[in-house]
Amino acid sequence: MRFGKKQSTSSPFLNDYAAEFSGATLTAGEHFVGKELTASVDISDSNGTDSATKTYTWYRYDGENYTQITSGTSDSYTIQS
């Protein structure tokens, strides 16, 4: 039994399915100051958001902690000292 307002059949969210993420990659090999890292991920969504703008968040790891260093739509980051 469902309570509340009946959902309209014209709602754009009537069949709102979760997006699927696959093929995530990050530049492999030795990571050193000056090296450019590139990330990639594939998005598939039956609602049509597979062409949505992706946001990447880059972190520095010091052996114990992760610290966010940048975030945005760029899929690449050059390692800084």
Protein backbone atom coordinates (compact mmCIF):
# COMPACT_ATOMS: atom_id res chain seq x y z
CA MET A 1 0.00 0.00 0.00
CA ARG A 2 1.28 3.44 -0.91
CA PHE A 3 0.37 6.65 0.86
CA GLY A 4 0.76 10.19 -0.35
CA LYS A 5 0.34 11.89 -3.67
CA LYS A 6 -0.03 9.70 -6.75
CA GLN A 7 2.96 10.00 -9.06
CA SER A 8 2.17 11.54 -12.42
CA THR A 9 2.89 9.34 -15.44
CA SER A 10 4.45 12.36 -17.14
CA SER A 11 7.17 12.67 -14.49
CA PRO A 12 10.71 12.64 -15.93
CA PHE A 13 11.74 10.52 -12.92
CA LEU A 14 9.16 7.76 -13.36
CA ASN A 15 11.81 5.33 -14.60
CA ASP A 16 14.89 6.86 -12.99
CA TYR A 17 17.48 4.08 -13.17
CA ALA A 18 20.91 4.31 -11.59
CA ALA A 19 23.84 5.04 -13.87
CA GLU A 20 26.47 2.34 -14.36
CA PHE A 21 30.17 3.16 -14.07
CA SER A 22 32.85 0.99 -15.66
CA GLY A 23 36.31 1.05 -17.18
CA ALA A 24 37.83 3.31 -14.52
CA THR A 25 41.53 3.84 -15.19
CA LEU A 26 44.40 5.93 -13.82
CA THR A 27 47.85 6.41 -15.33
CA ALA A 28 49.96 3.39 -14.34
CA GLY A 29 53.65 3.17 -13.54
CA GLU A 30 55.94 5.30 -11.44
CA HIS A 31 54.39 8.52 -10.15
CA PHE A 32 56.87 11.36 -9.68
CA VAL A 33 56.94 15.18 -9.60
CA GLY A 34 56.23 16.49 -13.09
CA LYS A 35 54.41 13.39 -14.32
CA GLU A 36 50.94 13.96 -15.76
CA LEU A 37 48.29 11.59 -14.45
CA THR A 38 45.15 10.91 -16.47
CA ALA A 39 41.92 9.37 -15.18
CA SER A 40 39.04 7.93 -17.15
CA VAL A 41 35.64 6.38 -16.43
CA ASP A 42 32.79 5.25 -18.67
CA ILE A 43 29.19 6.12 -17.74
CA SER A 44 26.14 4.33 -19.10
CA ASP A 45 22.69 5.57 -18.15
CA SER A 46 19.38 4.74 -19.78
CA ASN A 47 18.09 8.15 -18.65
CA GLY A 48 20.49 9.86 -21.04
CA THR A 49 23.01 11.29 -18.59
CA ASP A 50 25.92 9.26 -19.98
CA SER A 51 27.17 12.46 -21.62
CA ALA A 52 27.08 14.39 -18.33
CA THR A 53 30.16 16.36 -17.31
CA LYS A 54 32.38 14.30 -15.03
CA THR A 55 34.01 15.79 -11.93
CA TYR A 56 37.39 14.49 -10.80
CA THR A 57 38.89 14.95 -7.34
CA TRP A 58 42.64 14.47 -6.99
CA TYR A 59 44.28 13.51 -3.69
CA ARG A 60 47.83 13.38 -2.35
CA TYR A 61 48.75 10.35 -0.18
CA ASP A 62 51.63 10.72 2.27
CA GLY A 63 51.74 7.11 3.40
CA GLU A 64 49.14 7.64 6.12
CA ASN A 65 46.64 10.29 5.04
CA TYR A 66 44.85 11.47 1.92
CA THR A 67 44.63 15.22 1.31
CA GLN A 68 42.48 16.69 -1.45
CA ILE A 69 44.64 18.80 -3.76
CA THR A 70 42.25 19.77 -6.56
CA SER A 71 38.81 19.08 -7.97
CA GLY A 72 37.10 19.93 -11.24
CA THR A 73 36.30 18.68 -14.69
CA SER A 74 39.89 18.12 -15.82
CA ASP A 75 40.71 14.42 -16.25
CA SER A 76 44.44 15.11 -15.85
CA TYR A 77 46.72 16.39 -13.09
CA THR A 78 50.46 17.05 -13.11
CA ILE A 79 52.13 15.95 -9.88
CA GLN A 80 53.53 18.91 -7.90
CA SER A 81 56.20 18.85 -5.19
